[in-house]
Full PDB file with SEQRES, HELIX, SHEET, SSBOND, CRYST1, ORIGX, SCALE, CONECT and MASTER records, all heavy atoms in Angstrom:
SEQRES   1 A   36  ASP GLY LEU HIS ASP ARG GLU ASN VAL GLU ARG ASP PHE          
SEQRES   2 A   36  ARG HIS PHE GLU PRO TYR LEU LEU PRO ASP ALA VAL VAL          
SEQRES   3 A   36  LEU PHE HIS ASP TYR ALA GLY TYR TYR PRO                      
HELIX    1 AA1 ARG A    6  PHE A   16  1                                  11    
HELIX    2 AA2 GLU A   17  TYR A   19  5                                   3    
CRYST1    1.000    1.000    1.000  90.00  90.00  90.00 P 1           1          
ORIGX1      1.000000  0.000000  0.000000        0.00000                         
ORIGX2      0.000000  1.000000  0.000000        0.00000                         
ORIGX3      0.000000  0.000000  1.000000        0.00000                         
SCALE1      1.000000  0.000000  0.000000        0.00000                         
SCALE2      0.000000  1.000000  0.000000        0.00000                         
SCALE3      0.000000  0.000000  1.000000        0.00000                         
ATOM      1  N   ASP A   1     -36.780  16.061  27.446  1.00  0.00           N  
ATOM      2  CA  ASP A   1     -36.817  14.625  27.148  1.00  0.00           C  
ATOM      3  C   ASP A   1     -35.490  13.968  27.528  1.00  0.00           C  
ATOM      4  O   ASP A   1     -34.927  13.182  26.779  1.00  0.00           O  
ATOM      5  CB  ASP A   1     -37.113  14.408  25.656  1.00  0.00           C  
ATOM      6  CG  ASP A   1     -37.456  12.964  25.322  1.00  0.00           C  
ATOM      7  OD1 ASP A   1     -37.868  12.222  26.236  1.00  0.00           O  
ATOM      8  OD2 ASP A   1     -37.315  12.581  24.149  1.00  0.00           O  
ATOM      9  N   GLY A   2     -34.988  14.339  28.724  1.00  0.00           N  
ATOM     10  CA  GLY A   2     -33.751  13.740  29.211  1.00  0.00           C  
ATOM     11  C   GLY A   2     -34.050  12.495  30.031  1.00  0.00           C  
ATOM     12  O   GLY A   2     -34.879  11.671  29.640  1.00  0.00           O  
ATOM     13  N   LEU A   3     -33.417  12.351  31.186  1.00  0.00           N  
ATOM     14  CA  LEU A   3     -33.755  11.250  32.083  1.00  0.00           C  
ATOM     15  C   LEU A   3     -35.133  11.509  32.682  1.00  0.00           C  
ATOM     16  O   LEU A   3     -35.536  12.658  32.890  1.00  0.00           O  
ATOM     17  CB  LEU A   3     -32.704  11.106  33.184  1.00  0.00           C  
ATOM     18  CG  LEU A   3     -31.296  10.732  32.696  1.00  0.00           C  
ATOM     19  CD1 LEU A   3     -30.346  10.592  33.877  1.00  0.00           C  
ATOM     20  CD2 LEU A   3     -31.308   9.460  31.861  1.00  0.00           C  
ATOM     21  N   HIS A   4     -35.863  10.430  33.003  1.00  0.00           N  
ATOM     22  CA  HIS A   4     -37.288  10.555  33.250  1.00  0.00           C  
ATOM     23  C   HIS A   4     -37.718  10.322  34.695  1.00  0.00           C  
ATOM     24  O   HIS A   4     -38.846   9.892  34.951  1.00  0.00           O  
ATOM     25  CB  HIS A   4     -38.049   9.613  32.310  1.00  0.00           C  
ATOM     26  CG  HIS A   4     -37.883   9.977  30.875  1.00  0.00           C  
ATOM     27  ND1 HIS A   4     -36.981   9.352  30.044  1.00  0.00           N  
ATOM     28  CD2 HIS A   4     -38.479  10.929  30.128  1.00  0.00           C  
ATOM     29  CE1 HIS A   4     -37.045   9.886  28.835  1.00  0.00           C  
ATOM     30  NE2 HIS A   4     -37.948  10.846  28.866  1.00  0.00           N  
ATOM     31  N   ASP A   5     -36.847  10.616  35.637  1.00  0.00           N  
ATOM     32  CA  ASP A   5     -37.238  10.620  37.047  1.00  0.00           C  
ATOM     33  C   ASP A   5     -37.533  12.057  37.478  1.00  0.00           C  
ATOM     34  O   ASP A   5     -37.145  13.017  36.798  1.00  0.00           O  
ATOM     35  CB  ASP A   5     -36.120  10.029  37.910  1.00  0.00           C  
ATOM     36  CG  ASP A   5     -34.802  10.742  37.686  1.00  0.00           C  
ATOM     37  OD1 ASP A   5     -34.105  10.409  36.697  1.00  0.00           O  
ATOM     38  OD2 ASP A   5     -34.463  11.655  38.462  1.00  0.00           O  
ATOM     39  N   ARG A   6     -38.229  12.206  38.587  1.00  0.00           N  
ATOM     40  CA  ARG A   6     -38.690  13.526  39.045  1.00  0.00           C  
ATOM     41  C   ARG A   6     -37.519  14.488  39.234  1.00  0.00           C  
ATOM     42  O   ARG A   6     -37.557  15.651  38.794  1.00  0.00           O  
ATOM     43  CB  ARG A   6     -39.482  13.376  40.347  1.00  0.00           C  
ATOM     44  CG  ARG A   6     -39.821  14.678  41.079  1.00  0.00           C  
ATOM     45  CD  ARG A   6     -40.858  15.491  40.347  1.00  0.00           C  
ATOM     46  NE  ARG A   6     -41.112  16.781  40.981  1.00  0.00           N  
ATOM     47  CZ  ARG A   6     -42.154  17.032  41.761  1.00  0.00           C  
ATOM     48  NH1 ARG A   6     -43.037  16.087  42.034  1.00  0.00           N  
ATOM     49  NH2 ARG A   6     -42.334  18.240  42.272  1.00  0.00           N  
ATOM     50  N   GLU A   7     -36.446  14.037  39.863  1.00  0.00           N  
ATOM     51  CA  GLU A   7     -35.323  14.932  40.152  1.00  0.00           C  
ATOM     52  C   GLU A   7     -34.725  15.490  38.869  1.00  0.00           C  
ATOM     53  O   GLU A   7     -34.464  16.689  38.754  1.00  0.00           O  
ATOM     54  CB  GLU A   7     -34.245  14.197  40.949  1.00  0.00           C  
ATOM     55  CG  GLU A   7     -33.026  15.070  41.247  1.00  0.00           C  
ATOM     56  CD  GLU A   7     -31.939  14.331  42.006  1.00  0.00           C  
ATOM     57  OE1 GLU A   7     -32.120  13.129  42.290  1.00  0.00           O  
ATOM     58  OE2 GLU A   7     -30.904  14.955  42.303  1.00  0.00           O  
ATOM     59  N   ASN A   8     -34.496  14.619  37.897  1.00  0.00           N  
ATOM     60  CA  ASN A   8     -33.843  15.080  36.673  1.00  0.00           C  
ATOM     61  C   ASN A   8     -34.760  15.908  35.792  1.00  0.00           C  
ATOM     62  O   ASN A   8     -34.316  16.885  35.180  1.00  0.00           O  
ATOM     63  CB  ASN A   8     -33.288  13.891  35.899  1.00  0.00           C  
ATOM     64  CG  ASN A   8     -31.931  13.459  36.422  1.00  0.00           C  
ATOM     65  OD1 ASN A   8     -30.943  14.176  36.299  1.00  0.00           O  
ATOM     66  ND2 ASN A   8     -31.886  12.292  37.045  1.00  0.00           N  
ATOM     67  N   VAL A   9     -36.031  15.548  35.707  1.00  0.00           N  
ATOM     68  CA  VAL A   9     -36.973  16.352  34.921  1.00  0.00           C  
ATOM     69  C   VAL A   9     -37.080  17.754  35.505  1.00  0.00           C  
ATOM     70  O   VAL A   9     -37.052  18.757  34.783  1.00  0.00           O  
ATOM     71  CB  VAL A   9     -38.356  15.671  34.857  1.00  0.00           C  
ATOM     72  CG1 VAL A   9     -39.386  16.595  34.221  1.00  0.00           C  
ATOM     73  CG2 VAL A   9     -38.273  14.373  34.071  1.00  0.00           C  
ATOM     74  N   GLU A  10     -37.197  17.830  36.821  1.00  0.00           N  
ATOM     75  CA  GLU A  10     -37.300  19.140  37.454  1.00  0.00           C  
ATOM     76  C   GLU A  10     -36.016  19.940  37.271  1.00  0.00           C  
ATOM     77  O   GLU A  10     -36.047  21.143  36.988  1.00  0.00           O  
ATOM     78  CB  GLU A  10     -37.633  19.001  38.942  1.00  0.00           C  
ATOM     79  CG  GLU A  10     -37.777  20.336  39.635  1.00  0.00           C  
ATOM     80  CD  GLU A  10     -38.551  20.264  40.940  1.00  0.00           C  
ATOM     81  OE1 GLU A  10     -38.873  19.150  41.402  1.00  0.00           O  
ATOM     82  OE2 GLU A  10     -38.857  21.347  41.485  1.00  0.00           O  
ATOM     83  N   ARG A  11     -34.886  19.282  37.409  1.00  0.00           N  
ATOM     84  CA  ARG A  11     -33.608  19.973  37.237  1.00  0.00           C  
ATOM     85  C   ARG A  11     -33.446  20.496  35.810  1.00  0.00           C  
ATOM     86  O   ARG A  11     -32.975  21.613  35.592  1.00  0.00           O  
ATOM     87  CB  ARG A  11     -32.468  19.017  37.600  1.00  0.00           C  
ATOM     88  CG  ARG A  11     -31.105  19.649  37.644  1.00  0.00           C  
ATOM     89  CD  ARG A  11     -30.137  18.831  38.471  1.00  0.00           C  
ATOM     90  NE  ARG A  11     -30.088  17.420  38.091  1.00  0.00           N  
ATOM     91  CZ  ARG A  11     -29.278  16.535  38.662  1.00  0.00           C  
ATOM     92  NH1 ARG A  11     -28.456  16.925  39.653  1.00  0.00           N  
ATOM     93  NH2 ARG A  11     -29.277  15.281  38.282  1.00  0.00           N  
ATOM     94  N   ASP A  12     -33.855  19.685  34.830  1.00  0.00           N  
ATOM     95  CA  ASP A  12     -33.812  20.122  33.436  1.00  0.00           C  
ATOM     96  C   ASP A  12     -34.646  21.385  33.228  1.00  0.00           C  
ATOM     97  O   ASP A  12     -34.197  22.370  32.632  1.00  0.00           O  
ATOM     98  CB  ASP A  12     -34.350  19.025  32.505  1.00  0.00           C  
ATOM     99  CG  ASP A  12     -33.439  17.819  32.403  1.00  0.00           C  
ATOM    100  OD1 ASP A  12     -32.248  17.924  32.754  1.00  0.00           O  
ATOM    101  OD2 ASP A  12     -33.923  16.753  31.971  1.00  0.00           O  
ATOM    102  N   PHE A  13     -35.882  21.340  33.723  1.00  0.00           N  
ATOM    103  CA  PHE A  13     -36.799  22.461  33.529  1.00  0.00           C  
ATOM    104  C   PHE A  13     -36.337  23.706  34.285  1.00  0.00           C  
ATOM    105  O   PHE A  13     -36.304  24.806  33.720  1.00  0.00           O  
ATOM    106  CB  PHE A  13     -38.199  22.062  33.988  1.00  0.00           C  
ATOM    107  CG  PHE A  13     -39.200  23.181  33.899  1.00  0.00           C  
ATOM    108  CD1 PHE A  13     -39.785  23.506  32.688  1.00  0.00           C  
ATOM    109  CD2 PHE A  13     -39.563  23.899  35.037  1.00  0.00           C  
ATOM    110  CE1 PHE A  13     -40.709  24.545  32.605  1.00  0.00           C  
ATOM    111  CE2 PHE A  13     -40.483  24.933  34.955  1.00  0.00           C  
ATOM    112  CZ  PHE A  13     -41.060  25.260  33.738  1.00  0.00           C  
ATOM    113  N   ARG A  14     -35.985  23.555  35.544  1.00  0.00           N  
ATOM    114  CA  ARG A  14     -35.652  24.721  36.375  1.00  0.00           C  
ATOM    115  C   ARG A  14     -34.427  25.459  35.857  1.00  0.00           C  
ATOM    116  O   ARG A  14     -34.331  26.692  36.007  1.00  0.00           O  
ATOM    117  CB  ARG A  14     -35.414  24.291  37.822  1.00  0.00           C  
ATOM    118  CG  ARG A  14     -36.610  23.677  38.525  1.00  0.00           C  
ATOM    119  CD  ARG A  14     -37.783  24.605  38.618  1.00  0.00           C  
ATOM    120  NE  ARG A  14     -38.867  24.004  39.414  1.00  0.00           N  
ATOM    121  CZ  ARG A  14     -40.123  24.431  39.398  1.00  0.00           C  
ATOM    122  NH1 ARG A  14     -40.482  25.462  38.647  1.00  0.00           N  
ATOM    123  NH2 ARG A  14     -41.048  23.823  40.129  1.00  0.00           N  
ATOM    124  N   HIS A  15     -33.487  24.738  35.262  1.00  0.00           N  
ATOM    125  CA  HIS A  15     -32.278  25.400  34.773  1.00  0.00           C  
ATOM    126  C   HIS A  15     -32.609  26.413  33.677  1.00  0.00           C  
ATOM    127  O   HIS A  15     -31.976  27.470  33.590  1.00  0.00           O  
ATOM    128  CB  HIS A  15     -31.286  24.362  34.254  1.00  0.00           C  
ATOM    129  CG  HIS A  15     -29.965  24.947  33.857  1.00  0.00           C  
ATOM    130  ND1 HIS A  15     -29.033  25.365  34.777  1.00  0.00           N  
ATOM    131  CD2 HIS A  15     -29.423  25.205  32.631  1.00  0.00           C  
ATOM    132  CE1 HIS A  15     -27.972  25.840  34.151  1.00  0.00           C  
ATOM    133  NE2 HIS A  15     -28.183  25.752  32.840  1.00  0.00           N  
ATOM    134  N   PHE A  16     -33.594  26.090  32.839  1.00  0.00           N  
ATOM    135  CA  PHE A  16     -33.929  26.970  31.726  1.00  0.00           C  
ATOM    136  C   PHE A  16     -35.180  27.811  31.970  1.00  0.00           C  
ATOM    137  O   PHE A  16     -35.465  28.732  31.200  1.00  0.00           O  
ATOM    138  CB  PHE A  16     -34.116  26.132  30.451  1.00  0.00           C  
ATOM    139  CG  PHE A  16     -32.830  25.535  29.946  1.00  0.00           C  
ATOM    140  CD1 PHE A  16     -32.480  24.232  30.265  1.00  0.00           C  
ATOM    141  CD2 PHE A  16     -31.967  26.284  29.169  1.00  0.00           C  
ATOM    142  CE1 PHE A  16     -31.290  23.686  29.815  1.00  0.00           C  
ATOM    143  CE2 PHE A  16     -30.772  25.750  28.706  1.00  0.00           C  
ATOM    144  CZ  PHE A  16     -30.429  24.443  29.026  1.00  0.00           C  
ATOM    145  N   GLU A  17     -35.905  27.527  33.026  1.00  0.00           N  
ATOM    146  CA  GLU A  17     -37.149  28.245  33.311  1.00  0.00           C  
ATOM    147  C   GLU A  17     -36.990  29.759  33.335  1.00  0.00           C  
ATOM    148  O   GLU A  17     -37.855  30.482  32.800  1.00  0.00           O  
ATOM    149  CB  GLU A  17     -37.742  27.757  34.636  1.00  0.00           C  
ATOM    150  CG  GLU A  17     -39.050  28.417  35.001  1.00  0.00           C  
ATOM    151  CD  GLU A  17     -39.555  27.984  36.372  1.00  0.00           C  
ATOM    152  OE1 GLU A  17     -38.779  27.397  37.149  1.00  0.00           O  
ATOM    153  OE2 GLU A  17     -40.744  28.243  36.658  1.00  0.00           O  
ATOM    154  N   PRO A  18     -35.927  30.314  33.947  1.00  0.00           N  
ATOM    155  CA  PRO A  18     -35.826  31.781  34.008  1.00  0.00           C  
ATOM    156  C   PRO A  18     -35.750  32.453  32.640  1.00  0.00           C  
ATOM    157  O   PRO A  18     -35.981  33.667  32.541  1.00  0.00           O  
ATOM    158  CB  PRO A  18     -34.526  32.007  34.798  1.00  0.00           C  
ATOM    159  CG  PRO A  18     -34.319  30.757  35.576  1.00  0.00           C  
ATOM    160  CD  PRO A  18     -34.834  29.672  34.691  1.00  0.00           C  
ATOM    161  N   TYR A  19     -35.453  31.703  31.609  1.00  0.00           N  
ATOM    162  CA  TYR A  19     -35.263  32.277  30.275  1.00  0.00           C  
ATOM    163  C   TYR A  19     -36.469  32.078  29.364  1.00  0.00           C  
ATOM    164  O   TYR A  19     -36.454  32.521  28.208  1.00  0.00           O  
ATOM    165  CB  TYR A  19     -34.017  31.661  29.628  1.00  0.00           C  
ATOM    166  CG  TYR A  19     -32.794  31.813  30.490  1.00  0.00           C  
ATOM    167  CD1 TYR A  19     -32.376  30.758  31.319  1.00  0.00           C  
ATOM    168  CD2 TYR A  19     -32.086  33.004  30.536  1.00  0.00           C  
ATOM    169  CE1 TYR A  19     -31.269  30.899  32.137  1.00  0.00           C  
ATOM    170  CE2 TYR A  19     -30.980  33.159  31.364  1.00  0.00           C  
ATOM    171  CZ  TYR A  19     -30.574  32.101  32.158  1.00  0.00           C  
ATOM    172  OH  TYR A  19     -29.485  32.239  32.980  1.00  0.00           O  
ATOM    173  N   LEU A  20     -37.515  31.424  29.872  1.00  0.00           N  
ATOM    174  CA  LEU A  20     -38.709  31.210  29.066  1.00  0.00           C  
ATOM    175  C   LEU A  20     -39.456  32.524  28.858  1.00  0.00           C  
ATOM    176  O   LEU A  20     -39.760  33.235  29.812  1.00  0.00           O  
ATOM    177  CB  LEU A  20     -39.632  30.200  29.745  1.00  0.00           C  
ATOM    178  CG  LEU A  20     -39.114  28.766  29.856  1.00  0.00           C  
ATOM    179  CD1 LEU A  20     -40.050  27.933  30.741  1.00  0.00           C  
ATOM    180  CD2 LEU A  20     -38.985  28.128  28.479  1.00  0.00           C  
ATOM    181  N   LEU A  21     -39.766  32.832  27.608  1.00  0.00           N  
ATOM    182  CA  LEU A  21     -40.571  34.002  27.313  1.00  0.00           C  
ATOM    183  C   LEU A  21     -42.001  33.803  27.827  1.00  0.00           C  
ATOM    184  O   LEU A  21     -42.435  32.664  28.015  1.00  0.00           O  
ATOM    185  CB  LEU A  21     -40.572  34.251  25.806  1.00  0.00           C  
ATOM    186  CG  LEU A  21     -39.229  34.735  25.246  1.00  0.00           C  
ATOM    187  CD1 LEU A  21     -39.216  34.629  23.723  1.00  0.00           C  
ATOM    188  CD2 LEU A  21     -38.936  36.161  25.685  1.00  0.00           C  
ATOM    189  N   PRO A  22     -42.737  34.872  28.056  1.00  0.00           N  
ATOM    190  CA  PRO A  22     -44.096  34.718  28.611  1.00  0.00           C  
ATOM    191  C   PRO A  22     -44.999  33.814  27.789  1.00  0.00           C  
ATOM    192  O   PRO A  22     -45.861  33.131  28.348  1.00  0.00           O  
ATOM    193  CB  PRO A  22     -44.615  36.159  28.639  1.00  0.00           C  
ATOM    194  CG  PRO A  22     -43.389  37.006  28.766  1.00  0.00           C  
ATOM    195  CD  PRO A  22     -42.330  36.289  27.972  1.00  0.00           C  
ATOM    196  N   ASP A  23     -44.820  33.802  26.471  1.00  0.00           N  
ATOM    197  CA  ASP A  23     -45.661  32.957  25.617  1.00  0.00           C  
ATOM    198  C   ASP A  23     -44.945  31.696  25.163  1.00  0.00           C  
ATOM    199  O   ASP A  23     -45.358  31.052  24.185  1.00  0.00           O  
ATOM    200  CB  ASP A  23     -46.147  33.749  24.400  1.00  0.00           C  
ATOM    201  CG  ASP A  23     -45.006  34.233  23.512  1.00  0.00           C  
ATOM    202  OD1 ASP A  23     -43.834  34.191  23.967  1.00  0.00           O  
ATOM    203  OD2 ASP A  23     -45.270  34.651  22.364  1.00  0.00           O  
ATOM    204  N   ALA A  24     -43.885  31.302  25.857  1.00  0.00           N  
ATOM    205  CA  ALA A  24     -43.107  30.130  25.459  1.00  0.00           C  
ATOM    206  C   ALA A  24     -43.939  28.857  25.517  1.00  0.00           C  
ATOM    207  O   ALA A  24     -44.840  28.710  26.341  1.00  0.00           O  
ATOM    208  CB  ALA A  24     -41.873  29.979  26.344  1.00  0.00           C  
ATOM    209  N   VAL A  25     -43.604  27.933  24.637  1.00  0.00           N  
ATOM    210  CA  VAL A  25     -44.197  26.603  24.619  1.00  0.00           C  
ATOM    211  C   VAL A  25     -43.234  25.644  25.321  1.00  0.00           C  
ATOM    212  O   VAL A  25     -42.023  25.668  25.053  1.00  0.00           O  
ATOM    213  CB  VAL A  25     -44.437  26.135  23.168  1.00  0.00           C  
ATOM    214  CG1 VAL A  25     -44.926  24.694  23.147  1.00  0.00           C  
ATOM    215  CG2 VAL A  25     -45.423  27.047  22.472  1.00  0.00           C  
ATOM    216  N   VAL A  26     -43.756  24.802  26.216  1.00  0.00           N  
ATOM    217  CA  VAL A  26     -42.939  23.806  26.906  1.00  0.00           C  
ATOM    218  C   VAL A  26     -43.569  22.439  26.680  1.00  0.00           C  
ATOM    219  O   VAL A  26     -44.777  22.266  26.857  1.00  0.00           O  
ATOM    220  CB  VAL A  26     -42.836  24.100  28.420  1.00  0.00           C  
ATOM    221  CG1 VAL A  26     -41.984  23.036  29.109  1.00  0.00           C  
ATOM    222  CG2 VAL A  26     -42.243  25.492  28.654  1.00  0.00           C  
ATOM    223  N   LEU A  27     -42.735  21.480  26.278  1.00  0.00           N  
ATOM    224  CA  LEU A  27     -43.219  20.119  26.047  1.00  0.00           C  
ATOM    225  C   LEU A  27     -42.412  19.133  26.868  1.00  0.00           C  
ATOM    226  O   LEU A  27     -41.204  19.299  27.045  1.00  0.00           O  
ATOM    227  CB  LEU A  27     -43.125  19.753  24.566  1.00  0.00           C  
ATOM    228  CG  LEU A  27     -43.954  20.631  23.634  1.00  0.00           C  
ATOM    229  CD1 LEU A  27     -43.039  21.514  22.805  1.00  0.00           C  
ATOM    230  CD2 LEU A  27     -44.857  19.802  22.738  1.00  0.00           C  
ATOM    231  N   PHE A  28     -43.113  18.106  27.361  1.00  0.00           N  
ATOM    232  CA  PHE A  28     -42.482  17.019  28.098  1.00  0.00           C  
ATOM    233  C   PHE A  28     -42.828  15.705  27.406  1.00  0.00           C  
ATOM    234  O   PHE A  28     -44.002  15.432  27.141  1.00  0.00           O  
ATOM    235  CB  PHE A  28     -42.987  16.969  29.540  1.00  0.00           C  
ATOM    236  CG  PHE A  28     -42.587  18.149  30.378  1.00  0.00           C  
ATOM    237  CD1 PHE A  28     -43.352  19.306  30.386  1.00  0.00           C  
ATOM    238  CD2 PHE A  28     -41.442  18.097  31.170  1.00  0.00           C  
ATOM    239  CE1 PHE A  28     -42.996  20.391  31.160  1.00  0.00           C  
ATOM    240  CE2 PHE A  28     -41.070  19.180  31.957  1.00  0.00           C  
ATOM    241  CZ  PHE A  28     -41.848  20.335  31.944  1.00  0.00           C  
ATOM    242  N   HIS A  29     -41.804  14.901  27.139  1.00  0.00           N  
ATOM    243  CA  HIS A  29     -42.041  13.567  26.594  1.00  0.00           C  
ATOM    244  C   HIS A  29     -42.102  12.562  27.750  1.00  0.00           C  
ATOM    245  O   HIS A  29     -41.546  12.798  28.819  1.00  0.00           O  
ATOM    246  CB  HIS A  29     -40.926  13.188  25.625  1.00  0.00           C  
ATOM    247  CG  HIS A  29     -41.251  12.011  24.772  1.00  0.00           C  
ATOM    248  ND1 HIS A  29     -40.306  11.113  24.336  1.00  0.00           N  
ATOM    249  CD2 HIS A  29     -42.439  11.564  24.268  1.00  0.00           C  
ATOM    250  CE1 HIS A  29     -40.886  10.178  23.601  1.00  0.00           C  
ATOM    251  NE2 HIS A  29     -42.183  10.435  23.541  1.00  0.00           N  
ATOM    252  N   ASP A  30     -42.787  11.454  27.510  1.00  0.00           N  
ATOM    253  CA  ASP A  30     -42.952  10.378  28.494  1.00  0.00           C  
ATOM    254  C   ASP A  30     -43.736  10.815  29.723  1.00  0.00           C  
ATOM    255  O   ASP A  30     -43.445  10.413  30.848  1.00  0.00           O  
ATOM    256  CB  ASP A  30     -41.594   9.780  28.884  1.00  0.00           C  
ATOM    257  CG  ASP A  30     -40.988   9.011  27.720  1.00  0.00           C  
ATOM    258  OD1 ASP A  30     -41.618   8.060  27.228  1.00  0.00           O  
ATOM    259  OD2 ASP A  30     -39.887   9.373  27.279  1.00  0.00           O  
ATOM    260  N   TYR A  31     -44.742  11.659  29.479  1.00  0.00           N  
ATOM    261  CA  TYR A  31     -45.726  11.984  30.508  1.00  0.00           C  
ATOM    262  C   TYR A  31     -46.731  10.829  30.523  1.00  0.00           C  
ATOM    263  O   TYR A  31     -47.761  10.840  29.837  1.00  0.00           O  
ATOM    264  CB  TYR A  31     -46.396  13.316  30.162  1.00  0.00           C  
ATOM    265  CG  TYR A  31     -47.520  13.717  31.095  1.00  0.00           C  
ATOM    266  CD1 TYR A  31     -47.242  14.281  32.334  1.00  0.00           C  
ATOM    267  CD2 TYR A  31     -48.848  13.540  30.728  1.00  0.00           C  
ATOM    268  CE1 TYR A  31     -48.277  14.661  33.188  1.00  0.00           C  
ATOM    269  CE2 TYR A  31     -49.889  13.913  31.567  1.00  0.00           C  
ATOM    270  CZ  TYR A  31     -49.594  14.465  32.805  1.00  0.00           C  
ATOM    271  OH  TYR A  31     -50.623  14.839  33.648  1.00  0.00           O  
ATOM    272  N   ALA A  32     -46.384   9.792  31.273  1.00  0.00           N  
ATOM    273  CA  ALA A  32     -47.175   8.554  31.281  1.00  0.00           C  
ATOM    274  C   ALA A  32     -46.863   7.776  32.549  1.00  0.00           C  
ATOM    275  O   ALA A  32     -45.845   7.999  33.212  1.00  0.00           O  
ATOM    276  CB  ALA A  32     -46.849   7.707  30.052  1.00  0.00           C  
ATOM    277  N   GLY A  33     -47.743   6.830  32.873  1.00  0.00           N  
ATOM    278  CA  GLY A  33     -47.635   6.081  34.120  1.00  0.00           C  
ATOM    279  C   GLY A  33     -46.348   5.309  34.281  1.00  0.00           C  
ATOM    280  O   GLY A  33     -45.922   5.044  35.417  1.00  0.00           O  
ATOM    281  N   TYR A  34     -45.710   4.935  33.187  1.00  0.00           N  
ATOM    282  CA  TYR A  34     -44.460   4.183  33.308  1.00  0.00           C  
ATOM    283  C   TYR A  34     -43.296   5.057  33.765  1.00  0.00           C  
ATOM    284  O   TYR A  34     -42.240   4.537  34.126  1.00  0.00           O  
ATOM    285  CB  TYR A  34     -44.126   3.449  32.007  1.00  0.00           C  
ATOM    286  CG  TYR A  34     -44.174   4.290  30.744  1.00  0.00           C  
ATOM    287  CD1 TYR A  34     -43.119   5.124  30.386  1.00  0.00           C  
ATOM    288  CD2 TYR A  34     -45.274   4.237  29.904  1.00  0.00           C  
ATOM    289  CE1 TYR A  34     -43.161   5.885  29.243  1.00  0.00           C  
ATOM    290  CE2 TYR A  34     -45.325   4.991  28.746  1.00  0.00           C  
ATOM    291  CZ  TYR A  34     -44.270   5.814  28.412  1.00  0.00           C  
ATOM    292  OH  TYR A  34     -44.320   6.567  27.265  1.00  0.00           O  
ATOM    293  N   TYR A  35     -43.468   6.377  33.735  1.00  0.00           N  
ATOM    294  CA  TYR A  35     -42.483   7.296  34.306  1.00  0.00           C  
ATOM    295  C   TYR A  35     -43.215   8.249  35.258  1.00  0.00           C  
ATOM    296  O   TYR A  35     -43.501   9.401  34.915  1.00  0.00           O  
ATOM    297  CB  TYR A  35     -41.737   8.074  33.224  1.00  0.00           C  
ATOM    298  CG  TYR A  35     -40.657   7.282  32.533  1.00  0.00           C  
ATOM    299  CD1 TYR A  35     -40.596   7.206  31.150  1.00  0.00           C  
ATOM    300  CD2 TYR A  35     -39.686   6.595  33.270  1.00  0.00           C  
ATOM    301  CE1 TYR A  35     -39.609   6.473  30.508  1.00  0.00           C  
ATOM    302  CE2 TYR A  35     -38.695   5.858  32.643  1.00  0.00           C  
ATOM    303  CZ  TYR A  35     -38.664   5.803  31.263  1.00  0.00           C  
ATOM    304  OH  TYR A  35     -37.679   5.078  30.631  1.00  0.00           O  
ATOM    305  N   PRO A  36     -43.552   7.788  36.464  1.00  0.00           N  
ATOM    306  CA  PRO A  36     -44.363   8.603  37.373  1.00  0.00           C  
ATOM    307  C   PRO A  36     -43.699   9.910  37.787  1.00  0.00           C  
ATOM    308  O   PRO A  36     -44.392  10.866  38.135  1.00  0.00           O  
ATOM    309  CB  PRO A  36     -44.569   7.677  38.588  1.00  0.00           C  
ATOM    310  CG  PRO A  36     -43.482   6.654  38.498  1.00  0.00           C  
ATOM    311  CD  PRO A  36     -43.229   6.468  37.035  1.00  0.00           C  
TER     312      PRO A  36                                                      
MASTER        0    0    0    2    0    0    0    6  311    1    0    3          
END                                                                             
């Protein structure tokens, strides 16, 4: 739930992705048309 443009959302996720456990839960806020 950081900055809501594609570059920053992806950068946020990718930085921590390698550490996600197989059954990890991932949530994104502002998954809506106002932040494509």
